[in-house]
N, C-alpha and C. Protein backbone atom coordinates (compact mmCIF):
# COMPACT_ATOMS: atom_id res chain seq x y z
N MET A 1 -44.02 -32.77 -41.32
CA MET A 1 -43.96 -31.29 -41.29
C MET A 1 -42.68 -30.84 -41.96
N ALA A 2 -42.82 -29.98 -42.97
CA ALA A 2 -41.65 -29.51 -43.71
C ALA A 2 -41.05 -28.30 -43.03
N VAL A 3 -39.74 -28.24 -43.09
CA VAL A 3 -39.02 -27.10 -42.52
C VAL A 3 -38.64 -26.17 -43.65
N THR A 4 -39.07 -24.95 -43.58
CA THR A 4 -38.80 -23.97 -44.64
C THR A 4 -37.75 -22.97 -44.16
N THR A 5 -36.77 -22.74 -44.96
CA THR A 5 -35.72 -21.78 -44.62
C THR A 5 -36.18 -20.38 -45.01
N VAL A 6 -36.12 -19.47 -44.07
CA VAL A 6 -36.53 -18.09 -44.31
C VAL A 6 -35.35 -17.18 -44.11
N GLU A 7 -35.09 -16.34 -45.10
CA GLU A 7 -34.00 -15.38 -44.96
C GLU A 7 -34.48 -14.20 -44.13
N ARG A 8 -33.74 -13.94 -43.09
CA ARG A 8 -34.13 -12.85 -42.21
C ARG A 8 -32.88 -12.20 -41.65
N SER A 9 -32.87 -10.91 -41.65
CA SER A 9 -31.71 -10.20 -41.13
C SER A 9 -32.04 -9.57 -39.78
N PHE A 10 -31.05 -9.57 -38.91
CA PHE A 10 -31.22 -8.98 -37.59
C PHE A 10 -30.31 -7.76 -37.48
N PRO A 11 -30.85 -6.67 -36.96
CA PRO A 11 -30.01 -5.47 -36.84
C PRO A 11 -28.85 -5.72 -35.88
N VAL A 12 -27.70 -5.31 -36.28
CA VAL A 12 -26.52 -5.47 -35.44
C VAL A 12 -26.20 -4.13 -34.80
N LYS A 13 -26.12 -4.16 -33.49
CA LYS A 13 -25.82 -2.91 -32.76
C LYS A 13 -24.41 -2.45 -33.09
N GLU A 14 -24.28 -1.15 -33.21
CA GLU A 14 -22.94 -0.62 -33.41
C GLU A 14 -22.11 -0.86 -32.17
N LYS A 15 -20.86 -1.11 -32.38
CA LYS A 15 -19.96 -1.37 -31.27
C LYS A 15 -19.91 -0.15 -30.35
N GLU A 16 -20.19 -0.40 -29.08
CA GLU A 16 -20.19 0.69 -28.11
C GLU A 16 -18.77 1.17 -27.87
N VAL A 17 -18.63 2.46 -27.81
CA VAL A 17 -17.32 3.05 -27.57
C VAL A 17 -17.27 3.55 -26.13
N PHE A 18 -16.34 3.04 -25.39
CA PHE A 18 -16.18 3.46 -23.99
C PHE A 18 -14.97 4.37 -23.90
N GLU A 19 -15.22 5.57 -23.41
CA GLU A 19 -14.10 6.50 -23.25
C GLU A 19 -13.34 6.13 -21.98
N PRO A 20 -12.02 6.08 -22.04
CA PRO A 20 -11.24 5.75 -20.85
C PRO A 20 -11.38 6.85 -19.81
N PRO A 21 -11.31 6.51 -18.53
CA PRO A 21 -11.41 7.54 -17.49
C PRO A 21 -10.21 8.47 -17.54
N SER A 22 -10.39 9.66 -16.98
CA SER A 22 -9.31 10.64 -16.96
C SER A 22 -8.13 10.12 -16.15
N ASP A 23 -6.93 10.49 -16.60
CA ASP A 23 -5.74 10.13 -15.84
C ASP A 23 -5.72 10.91 -14.53
N VAL A 24 -5.16 10.32 -13.52
CA VAL A 24 -5.00 11.01 -12.25
C VAL A 24 -3.57 10.85 -11.79
N VAL A 25 -3.20 11.70 -10.86
CA VAL A 25 -1.88 11.61 -10.24
C VAL A 25 -2.05 10.90 -8.91
N VAL A 26 -1.18 9.98 -8.59
CA VAL A 26 -1.29 9.25 -7.34
C VAL A 26 -0.17 9.67 -6.40
N THR A 27 -0.44 9.47 -5.12
CA THR A 27 0.57 9.76 -4.11
C THR A 27 1.83 8.97 -4.42
N PRO A 28 3.00 9.61 -4.41
CA PRO A 28 4.24 8.91 -4.77
C PRO A 28 4.43 7.58 -4.07
N CYS A 29 4.07 7.50 -2.81
CA CYS A 29 4.15 6.22 -2.10
C CYS A 29 3.31 6.34 -0.84
N ASP A 30 2.80 5.20 -0.40
CA ASP A 30 2.05 5.14 0.84
C ASP A 30 2.97 4.50 1.85
N PRO A 31 3.64 5.30 2.67
CA PRO A 31 4.70 4.76 3.54
C PRO A 31 4.22 3.74 4.55
N LEU A 32 4.86 2.61 4.54
CA LEU A 32 4.65 1.56 5.54
C LEU A 32 6.02 1.08 6.00
N PRO A 33 6.31 1.04 7.28
CA PRO A 33 5.40 1.50 8.35
C PRO A 33 5.21 3.01 8.32
N ARG A 34 4.15 3.46 8.97
CA ARG A 34 3.87 4.89 9.01
C ARG A 34 5.03 5.65 9.66
N PRO A 35 5.30 6.87 9.16
CA PRO A 35 6.46 7.63 9.67
C PRO A 35 6.21 8.32 11.00
N TYR A 36 5.78 7.54 12.01
CA TYR A 36 5.53 8.11 13.34
C TYR A 36 6.83 8.23 14.14
N TYR A 37 6.86 9.21 15.00
CA TYR A 37 7.89 9.25 16.03
C TYR A 37 7.34 10.04 17.22
N ILE A 38 7.84 9.73 18.40
CA ILE A 38 7.36 10.36 19.63
C ILE A 38 8.38 11.40 20.07
N GLU A 39 7.89 12.59 20.36
CA GLU A 39 8.78 13.67 20.81
C GLU A 39 7.99 14.61 21.71
N GLY A 40 8.53 14.87 22.89
CA GLY A 40 7.87 15.78 23.82
C GLY A 40 6.50 15.32 24.25
N GLY A 41 6.30 14.01 24.35
CA GLY A 41 5.00 13.49 24.78
C GLY A 41 3.94 13.53 23.70
N LEU A 42 4.34 13.79 22.45
CA LEU A 42 3.38 13.88 21.34
C LEU A 42 3.74 12.89 20.24
N ARG A 43 2.71 12.37 19.60
CA ARG A 43 2.92 11.52 18.42
C ARG A 43 3.01 12.44 17.20
N ARG A 44 4.13 12.35 16.53
CA ARG A 44 4.36 13.20 15.36
C ARG A 44 4.51 12.33 14.10
N VAL A 45 4.29 12.95 12.94
CA VAL A 45 4.43 12.27 11.66
C VAL A 45 5.48 13.01 10.85
N ALA A 46 6.50 12.30 10.40
CA ALA A 46 7.50 12.94 9.54
C ALA A 46 6.82 13.41 8.26
N PRO A 47 7.14 14.62 7.79
CA PRO A 47 6.51 15.13 6.57
C PRO A 47 6.66 14.15 5.39
N TYR A 48 5.65 14.11 4.55
CA TYR A 48 5.64 13.18 3.42
C TYR A 48 4.88 13.80 2.25
N HIS A 49 5.12 13.29 1.06
CA HIS A 49 4.40 13.77 -0.12
C HIS A 49 3.04 13.10 -0.21
N TYR A 50 2.04 13.88 -0.61
CA TYR A 50 0.68 13.36 -0.69
C TYR A 50 -0.05 14.06 -1.84
N THR A 51 -0.88 13.31 -2.57
CA THR A 51 -1.62 13.88 -3.68
C THR A 51 -3.11 13.84 -3.41
N TYR A 52 -3.74 15.02 -3.49
CA TYR A 52 -5.20 15.12 -3.39
C TYR A 52 -5.77 15.07 -4.81
N ASN A 53 -6.80 14.27 -5.01
CA ASN A 53 -7.50 14.21 -6.30
C ASN A 53 -8.96 14.54 -6.08
N THR A 54 -9.52 15.40 -6.94
CA THR A 54 -10.94 15.72 -6.83
C THR A 54 -11.52 15.92 -8.22
N TYR A 55 -12.74 15.45 -8.41
CA TYR A 55 -13.43 15.64 -9.70
C TYR A 55 -14.03 17.03 -9.77
N CYS A 56 -14.15 17.52 -11.00
CA CYS A 56 -14.75 18.83 -11.23
C CYS A 56 -16.19 18.85 -10.73
N LYS A 57 -16.51 19.83 -9.92
CA LYS A 57 -17.89 19.99 -9.46
C LYS A 57 -18.64 20.89 -10.46
N GLU A 58 -19.95 20.81 -10.43
CA GLU A 58 -20.75 21.55 -11.41
C GLU A 58 -20.47 23.05 -11.36
N ARG A 59 -20.31 23.58 -10.15
CA ARG A 59 -20.10 25.03 -10.01
C ARG A 59 -18.70 25.46 -10.49
N TRP A 60 -17.80 24.48 -10.74
CA TRP A 60 -16.45 24.83 -11.20
C TRP A 60 -16.36 24.92 -12.72
N ARG A 61 -17.35 24.38 -13.42
CA ARG A 61 -17.25 24.28 -14.88
C ARG A 61 -17.07 25.64 -15.53
N GLY A 62 -16.05 25.71 -16.40
CA GLY A 62 -15.80 26.94 -17.14
C GLY A 62 -15.04 28.00 -16.37
N ARG A 63 -14.72 27.73 -15.10
CA ARG A 63 -13.99 28.70 -14.29
C ARG A 63 -12.49 28.44 -14.38
N GLY A 64 -11.72 29.48 -14.13
CA GLY A 64 -10.28 29.36 -14.17
C GLY A 64 -9.76 28.54 -12.99
N LEU A 65 -8.67 27.82 -13.22
CA LEU A 65 -8.11 26.95 -12.18
C LEU A 65 -7.76 27.74 -10.93
N LEU A 66 -7.07 28.86 -11.10
CA LEU A 66 -6.63 29.65 -9.95
C LEU A 66 -7.82 30.25 -9.21
N ASP A 67 -8.86 30.61 -9.95
CA ASP A 67 -10.07 31.16 -9.33
C ASP A 67 -10.72 30.12 -8.42
N VAL A 68 -10.80 28.87 -8.89
CA VAL A 68 -11.40 27.80 -8.10
C VAL A 68 -10.59 27.53 -6.84
N PHE A 69 -9.27 27.43 -6.99
CA PHE A 69 -8.43 27.17 -5.81
C PHE A 69 -8.55 28.31 -4.80
N GLY A 70 -8.59 29.55 -5.30
CA GLY A 70 -8.62 30.71 -4.40
C GLY A 70 -9.92 30.85 -3.63
N THR A 71 -11.02 30.31 -4.17
CA THR A 71 -12.32 30.45 -3.50
C THR A 71 -12.78 29.17 -2.80
N GLU A 72 -12.34 28.01 -3.28
CA GLU A 72 -12.81 26.75 -2.73
C GLU A 72 -11.84 26.15 -1.70
N PHE A 73 -10.56 26.46 -1.81
CA PHE A 73 -9.55 25.88 -0.92
C PHE A 73 -8.79 27.02 -0.25
N ARG A 74 -9.44 27.63 0.71
CA ARG A 74 -8.92 28.88 1.28
C ARG A 74 -8.00 28.67 2.48
N ASP A 75 -7.56 27.42 2.69
CA ASP A 75 -6.62 27.19 3.79
C ASP A 75 -5.23 27.68 3.44
N ARG A 76 -5.02 28.01 2.16
CA ARG A 76 -3.74 28.54 1.71
C ARG A 76 -3.98 29.77 0.84
N PRO A 77 -3.04 30.72 0.81
CA PRO A 77 -3.23 31.92 0.00
C PRO A 77 -3.18 31.59 -1.49
N LYS A 78 -3.79 32.45 -2.30
CA LYS A 78 -3.84 32.24 -3.75
C LYS A 78 -2.43 32.21 -4.35
N GLU A 79 -1.51 32.95 -3.74
CA GLU A 79 -0.13 32.97 -4.24
C GLU A 79 0.52 31.59 -4.15
N TYR A 80 0.15 30.84 -3.10
CA TYR A 80 0.69 29.48 -2.97
C TYR A 80 0.24 28.63 -4.14
N TYR A 81 -1.06 28.69 -4.47
CA TYR A 81 -1.59 27.86 -5.56
C TYR A 81 -1.01 28.28 -6.91
N GLN A 82 -0.78 29.58 -7.08
CA GLN A 82 -0.18 30.03 -8.34
C GLN A 82 1.20 29.42 -8.52
N LYS A 83 1.99 29.42 -7.46
CA LYS A 83 3.33 28.84 -7.54
C LYS A 83 3.26 27.32 -7.73
N ALA A 84 2.27 26.68 -7.06
CA ALA A 84 2.12 25.23 -7.20
C ALA A 84 1.79 24.85 -8.64
N VAL A 85 0.95 25.65 -9.29
CA VAL A 85 0.62 25.39 -10.70
C VAL A 85 1.85 25.59 -11.57
N GLU A 86 2.57 26.68 -11.33
CA GLU A 86 3.76 26.97 -12.13
C GLU A 86 4.85 25.92 -11.94
N ASP A 87 4.91 25.32 -10.73
CA ASP A 87 5.92 24.29 -10.45
C ASP A 87 5.50 22.90 -10.91
N GLY A 88 4.27 22.77 -11.41
CA GLY A 88 3.79 21.47 -11.87
C GLY A 88 3.21 20.60 -10.78
N ALA A 89 2.97 21.17 -9.59
CA ALA A 89 2.41 20.39 -8.49
C ALA A 89 0.90 20.24 -8.61
N VAL A 90 0.29 21.03 -9.50
CA VAL A 90 -1.14 20.91 -9.77
C VAL A 90 -1.32 20.44 -11.21
N CYS A 91 -2.11 19.40 -11.39
CA CYS A 91 -2.34 18.83 -12.73
C CYS A 91 -3.84 18.65 -12.96
N ILE A 92 -4.22 18.59 -14.23
CA ILE A 92 -5.58 18.23 -14.60
C ILE A 92 -5.50 17.02 -15.52
N ASN A 93 -6.18 15.96 -15.13
CA ASN A 93 -6.15 14.70 -15.89
C ASN A 93 -4.72 14.19 -16.09
N GLY A 94 -3.90 14.40 -15.05
CA GLY A 94 -2.53 13.88 -15.08
C GLY A 94 -1.55 14.71 -15.87
N LYS A 95 -1.96 15.88 -16.35
CA LYS A 95 -1.07 16.71 -17.17
C LYS A 95 -0.89 18.08 -16.54
N ALA A 96 0.33 18.60 -16.67
CA ALA A 96 0.62 19.94 -16.16
C ALA A 96 -0.21 20.98 -16.92
N VAL A 97 -0.60 22.05 -16.23
CA VAL A 97 -1.46 23.07 -16.83
C VAL A 97 -0.94 24.46 -16.46
N SER A 98 -1.58 25.48 -17.00
CA SER A 98 -1.23 26.86 -16.66
C SER A 98 -2.31 27.43 -15.75
N ILE A 99 -2.02 28.59 -15.16
CA ILE A 99 -2.99 29.20 -14.24
C ILE A 99 -4.24 29.70 -14.97
N ASP A 100 -4.17 29.84 -16.30
CA ASP A 100 -5.31 30.31 -17.07
C ASP A 100 -6.22 29.18 -17.54
N THR A 101 -5.87 27.95 -17.23
CA THR A 101 -6.65 26.80 -17.69
C THR A 101 -8.07 26.84 -17.12
N LYS A 102 -9.06 26.57 -17.99
CA LYS A 102 -10.45 26.49 -17.57
C LYS A 102 -10.79 25.04 -17.22
N ILE A 103 -11.50 24.85 -16.14
CA ILE A 103 -11.88 23.51 -15.70
C ILE A 103 -13.13 23.07 -16.44
N GLN A 104 -13.10 21.84 -16.96
CA GLN A 104 -14.22 21.32 -17.74
C GLN A 104 -14.87 20.14 -17.01
N ASN A 105 -16.10 19.84 -17.42
CA ASN A 105 -16.81 18.70 -16.83
C ASN A 105 -16.02 17.41 -17.03
N GLY A 106 -15.89 16.63 -15.99
CA GLY A 106 -15.16 15.37 -16.07
C GLY A 106 -13.69 15.47 -15.72
N ASP A 107 -13.18 16.68 -15.55
CA ASP A 107 -11.76 16.84 -15.22
C ASP A 107 -11.46 16.32 -13.82
N VAL A 108 -10.25 15.78 -13.65
CA VAL A 108 -9.76 15.39 -12.34
C VAL A 108 -8.60 16.32 -12.00
N ILE A 109 -8.76 17.08 -10.93
CA ILE A 109 -7.72 18.04 -10.52
C ILE A 109 -6.88 17.38 -9.43
N SER A 110 -5.57 17.40 -9.61
CA SER A 110 -4.64 16.78 -8.67
C SER A 110 -3.72 17.84 -8.08
N HIS A 111 -3.44 17.71 -6.81
CA HIS A 111 -2.54 18.65 -6.13
C HIS A 111 -1.60 17.86 -5.23
N THR A 112 -0.34 17.85 -5.56
CA THR A 112 0.67 17.14 -4.77
C THR A 112 1.42 18.13 -3.90
N LEU A 113 1.56 17.80 -2.63
CA LEU A 113 2.25 18.71 -1.72
C LEU A 113 3.02 17.92 -0.68
N HIS A 114 3.87 18.64 0.04
CA HIS A 114 4.62 18.05 1.14
C HIS A 114 3.77 18.26 2.37
N ARG A 115 3.23 17.18 2.89
CA ARG A 115 2.22 17.28 3.95
C ARG A 115 2.86 17.26 5.34
N HIS A 116 2.46 18.21 6.17
CA HIS A 116 2.94 18.32 7.56
C HIS A 116 1.72 18.22 8.48
N GLU A 117 1.58 17.11 9.17
CA GLU A 117 0.42 16.92 10.04
C GLU A 117 0.67 17.50 11.44
N PRO A 118 -0.38 18.02 12.06
CA PRO A 118 -0.23 18.46 13.46
C PRO A 118 0.02 17.27 14.37
N PRO A 119 0.78 17.46 15.44
CA PRO A 119 1.01 16.35 16.38
C PRO A 119 -0.23 16.10 17.22
N VAL A 120 -0.32 14.87 17.77
CA VAL A 120 -1.41 14.52 18.69
C VAL A 120 -0.79 13.86 19.91
N THR A 121 -1.59 13.59 20.90
CA THR A 121 -1.08 12.97 22.11
C THR A 121 -0.47 11.60 21.81
N SER A 122 0.57 11.27 22.55
CA SER A 122 1.19 9.95 22.40
C SER A 122 0.54 8.91 23.30
N GLN A 123 -0.52 9.34 24.03
CA GLN A 123 -1.24 8.41 24.89
C GLN A 123 -1.77 7.25 24.04
N PRO A 124 -1.52 6.02 24.44
CA PRO A 124 -1.98 4.87 23.64
C PRO A 124 -3.50 4.77 23.59
N ILE A 125 -4.02 4.15 22.55
CA ILE A 125 -5.45 3.91 22.43
C ILE A 125 -5.79 2.69 23.28
N GLY A 126 -6.51 2.89 24.36
CA GLY A 126 -6.81 1.80 25.28
C GLY A 126 -7.81 0.81 24.70
N ILE A 127 -7.53 -0.47 24.86
CA ILE A 127 -8.44 -1.52 24.43
C ILE A 127 -9.24 -2.00 25.65
N ILE A 128 -10.54 -1.72 25.66
CA ILE A 128 -11.41 -2.10 26.78
C ILE A 128 -11.88 -3.55 26.62
N HIS A 129 -12.20 -3.91 25.38
CA HIS A 129 -12.68 -5.27 25.10
C HIS A 129 -12.39 -5.58 23.63
N GLU A 130 -12.09 -6.86 23.35
CA GLU A 130 -11.86 -7.27 21.97
C GLU A 130 -12.24 -8.74 21.80
N ASP A 131 -13.03 -9.01 20.76
CA ASP A 131 -13.33 -10.38 20.38
C ASP A 131 -13.38 -10.45 18.85
N ASP A 132 -13.91 -11.55 18.32
CA ASP A 132 -13.91 -11.71 16.86
C ASP A 132 -14.84 -10.74 16.16
N ASP A 133 -15.82 -10.19 16.87
CA ASP A 133 -16.81 -9.32 16.25
C ASP A 133 -16.50 -7.84 16.38
N MET A 134 -15.89 -7.45 17.46
CA MET A 134 -15.69 -6.01 17.66
C MET A 134 -14.55 -5.71 18.60
N ILE A 135 -14.15 -4.43 18.57
CA ILE A 135 -13.17 -3.89 19.50
C ILE A 135 -13.80 -2.68 20.18
N VAL A 136 -13.69 -2.62 21.47
CA VAL A 136 -14.16 -1.46 22.23
C VAL A 136 -12.93 -0.71 22.71
N ILE A 137 -12.81 0.56 22.33
CA ILE A 137 -11.62 1.32 22.65
C ILE A 137 -11.93 2.53 23.53
N ASP A 138 -10.90 3.00 24.20
CA ASP A 138 -10.97 4.25 24.97
C ASP A 138 -10.24 5.30 24.15
N LYS A 139 -11.00 6.12 23.42
CA LYS A 139 -10.39 7.13 22.54
C LYS A 139 -9.83 8.29 23.36
N PRO A 140 -8.54 8.60 23.16
CA PRO A 140 -7.98 9.77 23.86
C PRO A 140 -8.44 11.08 23.21
N ALA A 141 -8.50 12.14 24.00
CA ALA A 141 -8.90 13.44 23.48
C ALA A 141 -7.82 14.00 22.56
N GLY A 142 -8.25 14.80 21.58
CA GLY A 142 -7.32 15.49 20.70
C GLY A 142 -6.93 14.73 19.45
N VAL A 143 -7.47 13.52 19.27
CA VAL A 143 -7.14 12.72 18.09
C VAL A 143 -8.42 12.49 17.29
N PRO A 144 -8.47 12.87 16.01
CA PRO A 144 -9.67 12.63 15.22
C PRO A 144 -9.85 11.13 14.95
N VAL A 145 -11.08 10.71 14.74
CA VAL A 145 -11.35 9.30 14.46
C VAL A 145 -10.92 8.94 13.04
N HIS A 146 -11.39 9.72 12.06
CA HIS A 146 -11.11 9.45 10.65
C HIS A 146 -10.09 10.46 10.11
N PRO A 147 -9.34 10.09 9.08
CA PRO A 147 -8.51 11.07 8.40
C PRO A 147 -9.39 12.19 7.82
N ALA A 148 -9.06 13.42 8.12
CA ALA A 148 -9.84 14.56 7.64
C ALA A 148 -9.03 15.83 7.82
N GLY A 149 -9.20 16.75 6.88
CA GLY A 149 -8.52 18.04 6.99
C GLY A 149 -7.02 17.89 7.05
N ARG A 150 -6.41 18.47 8.08
CA ARG A 150 -4.95 18.41 8.24
C ARG A 150 -4.46 17.08 8.79
N TYR A 151 -5.38 16.25 9.27
CA TYR A 151 -5.01 14.99 9.90
C TYR A 151 -5.22 13.82 8.94
N ASN A 152 -4.22 12.96 8.83
CA ASN A 152 -4.33 11.76 8.00
C ASN A 152 -3.86 10.55 8.83
N TYR A 153 -2.55 10.37 8.91
CA TYR A 153 -2.00 9.27 9.69
C TYR A 153 -2.22 9.47 11.19
N ASN A 154 -2.29 10.71 11.63
CA ASN A 154 -2.54 11.00 13.05
C ASN A 154 -4.04 11.00 13.34
N SER A 155 -4.68 9.87 13.04
CA SER A 155 -6.10 9.66 13.33
C SER A 155 -6.24 8.29 13.98
N ILE A 156 -7.31 8.09 14.72
CA ILE A 156 -7.50 6.84 15.46
C ILE A 156 -7.41 5.62 14.54
N LEU A 157 -8.14 5.64 13.44
CA LEU A 157 -8.18 4.47 12.57
C LEU A 157 -6.83 4.19 11.91
N GLU A 158 -6.11 5.23 11.53
CA GLU A 158 -4.81 5.03 10.90
C GLU A 158 -3.76 4.56 11.91
N ILE A 159 -3.83 5.07 13.13
CA ILE A 159 -2.90 4.62 14.18
C ILE A 159 -3.12 3.14 14.47
N MET A 160 -4.40 2.75 14.58
CA MET A 160 -4.70 1.34 14.85
C MET A 160 -4.32 0.46 13.66
N LYS A 161 -4.49 0.98 12.46
CA LYS A 161 -4.12 0.22 11.26
C LYS A 161 -2.60 0.00 11.22
N ALA A 162 -1.86 1.02 11.66
CA ALA A 162 -0.40 0.88 11.70
C ALA A 162 0.01 -0.18 12.71
N GLU A 163 -0.75 -0.29 13.80
CA GLU A 163 -0.43 -1.27 14.84
C GLU A 163 -0.87 -2.69 14.46
N ARG A 164 -1.96 -2.80 13.68
CA ARG A 164 -2.56 -4.10 13.40
C ARG A 164 -2.28 -4.62 11.99
N GLY A 165 -1.69 -3.78 11.15
CA GLY A 165 -1.40 -4.22 9.79
C GLY A 165 -2.34 -3.58 8.80
N ASN A 166 -1.86 -3.36 7.59
CA ASN A 166 -2.64 -2.65 6.58
C ASN A 166 -3.87 -3.42 6.15
N GLY A 167 -3.91 -4.73 6.41
CA GLY A 167 -5.07 -5.53 6.01
C GLY A 167 -6.24 -5.42 6.97
N TRP A 168 -6.03 -4.76 8.11
CA TRP A 168 -7.11 -4.59 9.09
C TRP A 168 -8.10 -3.56 8.59
N VAL A 169 -9.38 -3.93 8.50
CA VAL A 169 -10.42 -3.02 8.00
C VAL A 169 -11.41 -2.75 9.12
N PRO A 170 -11.45 -1.52 9.64
CA PRO A 170 -12.35 -1.19 10.75
C PRO A 170 -13.71 -0.70 10.27
N TYR A 171 -14.73 -0.93 11.09
CA TYR A 171 -16.08 -0.43 10.81
C TYR A 171 -16.60 0.25 12.07
N PRO A 172 -16.26 1.55 12.25
CA PRO A 172 -16.66 2.25 13.48
C PRO A 172 -18.18 2.37 13.58
N CYS A 173 -18.70 2.11 14.78
CA CYS A 173 -20.14 2.21 15.00
C CYS A 173 -20.53 3.62 15.44
N ASN A 174 -19.74 4.22 16.28
CA ASN A 174 -20.01 5.58 16.74
C ASN A 174 -18.77 6.44 16.51
N ARG A 175 -18.98 7.73 16.47
CA ARG A 175 -17.86 8.63 16.23
C ARG A 175 -17.86 9.75 17.27
N LEU A 176 -16.67 10.06 17.76
CA LEU A 176 -16.53 11.15 18.72
C LEU A 176 -15.73 12.28 18.08
N ASP A 177 -16.02 13.50 18.47
CA ASP A 177 -15.27 14.64 17.95
C ASP A 177 -13.80 14.54 18.33
N ARG A 178 -12.98 15.26 17.60
CA ARG A 178 -11.52 15.20 17.84
C ARG A 178 -11.16 15.53 19.28
N LEU A 179 -11.80 16.54 19.84
CA LEU A 179 -11.43 17.00 21.18
C LEU A 179 -12.08 16.17 22.28
N THR A 180 -12.92 15.23 21.92
CA THR A 180 -13.67 14.44 22.91
C THR A 180 -12.99 13.09 23.15
N SER A 181 -12.93 12.69 24.42
CA SER A 181 -12.46 11.34 24.76
C SER A 181 -13.68 10.51 25.12
N GLY A 182 -13.54 9.18 25.01
CA GLY A 182 -14.67 8.33 25.37
C GLY A 182 -14.60 6.96 24.73
N VAL A 183 -15.67 6.21 24.91
CA VAL A 183 -15.73 4.83 24.45
C VAL A 183 -16.22 4.78 23.00
N MET A 184 -15.52 3.97 22.20
CA MET A 184 -15.92 3.76 20.81
C MET A 184 -16.03 2.27 20.52
N PHE A 185 -17.01 1.92 19.67
CA PHE A 185 -17.21 0.53 19.26
C PHE A 185 -16.82 0.40 17.79
N ILE A 186 -15.96 -0.56 17.48
CA ILE A 186 -15.49 -0.78 16.11
C ILE A 186 -15.81 -2.22 15.72
N GLY A 187 -16.66 -2.37 14.70
CA GLY A 187 -17.02 -3.70 14.23
C GLY A 187 -15.95 -4.29 13.33
N SER A 188 -15.97 -5.60 13.19
CA SER A 188 -14.98 -6.28 12.35
C SER A 188 -15.49 -6.51 10.94
N THR A 189 -16.82 -6.44 10.75
CA THR A 189 -17.43 -6.65 9.43
C THR A 189 -18.63 -5.72 9.28
N PRO A 190 -19.11 -5.50 8.04
CA PRO A 190 -20.32 -4.69 7.85
C PRO A 190 -21.54 -5.28 8.58
N ARG A 191 -21.61 -6.61 8.66
CA ARG A 191 -22.73 -7.25 9.35
C ARG A 191 -22.73 -6.88 10.84
N VAL A 192 -21.55 -6.93 11.44
CA VAL A 192 -21.43 -6.58 12.86
C VAL A 192 -21.75 -5.10 13.04
N LEU A 193 -21.28 -4.26 12.13
CA LEU A 193 -21.56 -2.82 12.21
C LEU A 193 -23.07 -2.57 12.21
N SER A 194 -23.79 -3.25 11.30
CA SER A 194 -25.24 -3.08 11.22
C SER A 194 -25.91 -3.51 12.52
N LYS A 195 -25.43 -4.60 13.09
CA LYS A 195 -25.99 -5.11 14.35
C LYS A 195 -25.74 -4.13 15.49
N LEU A 196 -24.52 -3.59 15.55
CA LEU A 196 -24.19 -2.63 16.61
C LEU A 196 -25.01 -1.35 16.46
N ALA A 197 -25.20 -0.91 15.21
CA ALA A 197 -25.97 0.31 14.96
C ALA A 197 -27.41 0.14 15.41
N LYS A 198 -28.01 -1.03 15.14
CA LYS A 198 -29.39 -1.28 15.56
C LYS A 198 -29.49 -1.31 17.08
N SER A 199 -28.50 -1.91 17.73
CA SER A 199 -28.50 -1.96 19.19
C SER A 199 -28.41 -0.56 19.78
N SER A 200 -27.55 0.29 19.18
CA SER A 200 -27.39 1.67 19.65
C SER A 200 -28.68 2.45 19.48
N ALA A 201 -29.37 2.22 18.35
CA ALA A 201 -30.62 2.92 18.08
C ALA A 201 -31.68 2.55 19.13
N ARG A 202 -31.72 1.26 19.51
CA ARG A 202 -32.70 0.83 20.52
C ARG A 202 -32.41 1.48 21.87
N VAL A 203 -31.11 1.60 22.20
CA VAL A 203 -30.73 2.23 23.47
C VAL A 203 -31.15 3.70 23.48
N LEU A 204 -30.93 4.40 22.36
CA LEU A 204 -31.30 5.82 22.27
C LEU A 204 -32.80 5.99 22.38
N CYS A 205 -33.56 5.10 21.74
CA CYS A 205 -35.02 5.19 21.82
C CYS A 205 -35.49 4.97 23.25
N ALA A 206 -34.88 4.00 23.93
CA ALA A 206 -35.26 3.72 25.32
C ALA A 206 -34.98 4.92 26.22
N LYS A 207 -33.86 5.61 25.96
CA LYS A 207 -33.50 6.77 26.79
C LYS A 207 -34.48 7.92 26.57
N ASN A 208 -34.99 8.08 25.33
CA ASN A 208 -35.87 9.20 25.01
C ASN A 208 -37.31 8.96 25.44
N MET A 209 -37.65 7.70 25.75
CA MET A 209 -39.03 7.39 26.14
C MET A 209 -39.28 7.67 27.63
């Protein structure tokens, strides 16, 4: 059997061009140990610098920066945001901007501020049970479970992380409101979390039957 050479060309794909992601501003430092101190029976956090980063939402496209801050982030007056922009505390894609800047699709808006967290009770988080799979805690009232809103380090998970080391990764099974006290289950791995969630679902079904 003879082998015949055939000239044949194969289309070569053009080199794909990947656009680099937008620059962002990062928090100047993540303080370790956490800046906690106890005063007047309350756990307090020394003020610290913190940067919020958020991607442009569809409804923000083409709108002025100050207009978006004034309508979407109403926990502070519009005058505060105007001064923050003028002082360079607000950036888009890592660059300082003016108050007339229009937000475009794909933009990352950054806001750096001096954060002052509300105090919470200094009552310790009680450990009811702990093994290799989970921790069962007695959550005190007045402390949020997750960092949210005005609370960051003064949250259950961050307080426990400060006590156990930054490498500790919690997987809460149930969540209680900030003002509620009660029992919480925290898994050590996603597998344990899934198992605890299924067990909780069976208990709820049994109660409703």
